[in-house]
C-alpha cells in the first residue's frame, strides 16, 4: 500500500482533542486511511470507531442516554 501525501497531513491533526472529518466520494479509501493512521498510533487501544452503515452503531449515536 502506498502512503498518501494526505496521510502525513492528517497524522499531525489526529489525537489533538478535536473532531476530524474526512469527506470524499464513495469507495476512495477514507475509512482505510483513517484506520491506518489509528492503527499506527500509540492511541490505537483508546479509539472507538463507529460505522453508521451499521444499525447498532447508528442507534448508539442517536441515543443521548448512553
Protein backbone atom coordinates (compact mmCIF):
# COMPACT_ATOMS: atom_id res chain seq x y z
CA UNK A 1 0.00 0.00 0.00
CA UNK A 2 1.24 3.47 -0.85
CA UNK A 3 1.45 6.08 1.87
CA UNK A 4 -0.58 9.05 0.72
CA UNK A 5 0.61 12.64 0.94
CA UNK A 6 -2.64 13.43 2.72
CA UNK A 7 -1.86 10.81 5.36
CA UNK A 8 1.14 12.80 6.61
CA UNK A 9 -1.01 15.92 6.99
CA UNK A 10 -3.79 14.06 8.78
CA UNK A 11 -1.42 12.27 11.18
CA UNK A 12 -0.42 15.67 12.55
CA UNK A 13 -4.08 16.55 13.19
CA UNK A 14 -5.24 13.28 14.79
CA UNK A 15 -5.44 13.00 18.59
CA UNK A 16 -5.48 16.75 19.23
CA UNK A 17 -8.79 16.70 21.14
CA UNK A 18 -10.86 17.91 18.18
CA UNK A 19 -13.13 16.14 15.74
CA UNK A 20 -11.56 15.44 12.38
CA UNK A 21 -13.95 14.85 9.49
CA UNK A 22 -12.74 13.16 6.32
CA UNK A 23 -15.08 13.63 3.39
CA UNK A 24 -15.00 12.47 -0.19
CA UNK A 25 -16.63 10.32 -2.80
CA UNK A 26 -17.63 6.73 -2.08
CA UNK A 27 -15.08 3.94 -2.26
CA UNK A 28 -11.93 6.09 -2.33
CA UNK A 29 -10.37 4.87 0.92
CA UNK A 30 -11.46 7.32 3.62
CA UNK A 31 -12.01 4.58 6.20
CA UNK A 32 -8.83 2.76 5.23
CA UNK A 33 -6.87 6.00 5.55
CA UNK A 34 -8.27 6.75 9.00
CA UNK A 35 -7.78 3.18 10.26
CA UNK A 36 -4.17 3.14 9.02
CA UNK A 37 -3.45 6.30 10.99
CA UNK A 38 -5.21 4.98 14.09
CA UNK A 39 -3.55 1.56 13.97
CA UNK A 40 -0.08 3.05 13.58
CA UNK A 41 -0.54 5.37 16.57
CA UNK A 42 0.18 4.82 20.23
CA UNK A 43 -3.51 5.55 20.93
CA UNK A 44 -4.93 2.64 18.92
CA UNK A 45 -6.29 0.90 22.03
CA UNK A 46 -8.09 4.07 23.14
CA UNK A 47 -10.02 4.77 19.93
CA UNK A 48 -13.65 3.84 19.35
CA UNK A 49 -14.83 3.66 15.74
CA UNK A 50 -18.43 3.78 14.59
CA UNK A 51 -19.81 2.72 11.24
CA UNK A 52 -23.09 4.50 10.59
CA UNK A 53 -24.00 1.89 7.98
CA UNK A 54 -24.30 -0.49 10.96
CA UNK A 55 -27.71 -0.18 12.63
CA UNK A 56 -26.37 -0.80 16.16
CA UNK A 57 -23.69 1.87 15.81
CA UNK A 58 -26.22 4.32 14.43
CA UNK A 59 -28.52 3.66 17.39
CA UNK A 60 -25.68 4.24 19.87
CA UNK A 61 -25.01 7.62 18.30
CA UNK A 62 -28.70 8.55 18.27
CA UNK A 63 -29.34 7.60 21.91
CA UNK A 64 -28.24 10.51 24.12
CA UNK A 65 -28.72 8.40 27.28
CA UNK A 66 -25.83 6.03 26.59
